[in-house]
Amino acid sequence: MENSYCFFENRKCKFFPCHQMEGDFNCLFCYCPLYNKEKCPGSPEYIEKSGKKIKSCVKCNFPHKPENYKKVISML
């Protein structure tokens, strides 16, 4: 996919890829803007650390899939 306003892939990033997935990888939402959303369309897991429940998005690829750009924007 070509880099544009709704897609950007940065293969030179030292963390690329931050998640394992097939196909195009959208780095536009490097830090997920949906992290603070209680009802996230992705697949977060919740872990406990120091007695607190923490949202872990390590296994979630939702914001990195190019076809989800409009869904992410609509939730913001």
Protein backbone atom coordinates (compact mmCIF):
# COMPACT_ATOMS: atom_id res chain seq x y z
CA MET A 1 0.00 0.00 0.00
CA GLU A 2 1.26 3.51 -0.77
CA ASN A 3 2.02 5.96 2.07
CA SER A 4 -0.76 8.54 2.40
CA TYR A 5 -2.81 10.47 4.98
CA CYS A 6 -4.38 7.20 6.14
CA PHE A 7 -1.44 4.81 5.82
CA PHE A 8 2.25 4.97 6.70
CA GLU A 9 4.69 2.09 7.06
CA ASN A 10 8.06 2.83 8.67
CA ARG A 11 10.28 -0.19 8.07
CA LYS A 12 13.32 1.78 9.34
CA CYS A 13 11.85 2.04 12.85
CA LYS A 14 13.95 0.06 15.34
CA PHE A 15 10.72 -1.45 16.73
CA PHE A 16 9.28 -2.51 13.35
CA PRO A 17 7.25 -4.61 13.42
CA CYS A 18 5.96 -4.03 16.94
CA HIS A 19 3.30 -6.71 16.39
CA GLN A 20 3.39 -9.85 14.27
CA MET A 21 0.88 -9.77 11.43
CA GLU A 22 0.54 -10.59 7.75
CA GLY A 23 0.21 -7.99 4.99
CA ASP A 24 0.56 -4.22 5.08
CA PHE A 25 1.40 -2.76 8.49
CA ASN A 26 0.06 0.72 9.26
CA CYS A 27 2.41 2.64 11.59
CA LEU A 28 0.22 5.76 11.52
CA PHE A 29 -1.25 4.83 14.91
CA CYS A 30 2.04 3.78 16.45
CA TYR A 31 0.67 4.52 19.90
CA CYS A 32 -2.93 3.40 19.82
CA PRO A 33 -5.33 6.34 20.16
CA LEU A 34 -7.96 3.87 21.39
CA TYR A 35 -5.96 2.77 24.43
CA ASN A 36 -8.09 4.83 26.83
CA LYS A 37 -11.36 3.67 25.27
CA GLU A 38 -13.23 1.27 27.51
CA LYS A 39 -14.96 -0.38 24.53
CA CYS A 40 -12.12 -0.93 22.12
CA PRO A 41 -12.82 -2.80 18.84
CA GLY A 42 -9.42 -4.47 19.04
CA SER A 43 -8.40 -7.47 21.09
CA PRO A 44 -6.75 -6.13 24.24
CA GLU A 45 -5.93 -8.31 27.20
CA TYR A 46 -5.99 -7.19 30.80
CA ILE A 47 -3.15 -8.04 33.12
CA GLU A 48 -2.65 -7.35 36.78
CA LYS A 49 0.44 -5.54 37.96
CA SER A 50 1.01 -4.26 41.48
CA GLY A 51 -2.66 -4.82 42.25
CA LYS A 52 -3.83 -2.77 39.26
CA LYS A 53 -5.65 -3.93 36.14
CA ILE A 54 -3.69 -2.79 33.06
CA LYS A 55 -4.77 -2.93 29.42
CA SER A 56 -2.22 -4.79 27.29
CA CYS A 57 -2.39 -4.33 23.53
CA VAL A 58 0.67 -6.45 22.75
CA LYS A 59 -1.38 -9.00 20.79
CA CYS A 60 -3.73 -6.46 19.16
CA ASN A 61 -3.24 -5.47 15.52
CA PHE A 62 -6.48 -3.52 15.02
CA PRO A 63 -5.02 0.00 14.51
CA HIS A 64 -2.22 -1.37 12.31
CA LYS A 65 -4.54 -2.88 9.70
CA PRO A 66 -4.97 -0.35 6.85
CA GLU A 67 -8.66 -1.20 6.43
CA ASN A 68 -9.38 -0.04 10.02
CA TYR A 69 -8.28 3.59 9.52
CA LYS A 70 -11.85 4.95 9.17
CA LYS A 71 -13.07 2.98 12.18
CA VAL A 72 -10.27 4.38 14.39
CA ILE A 73 -10.94 7.95 13.19
CA SER A 74 -14.68 7.56 13.77
CA MET A 75 -14.02 6.55 17.38
CA LEU A 76 -11.93 9.63 18.08
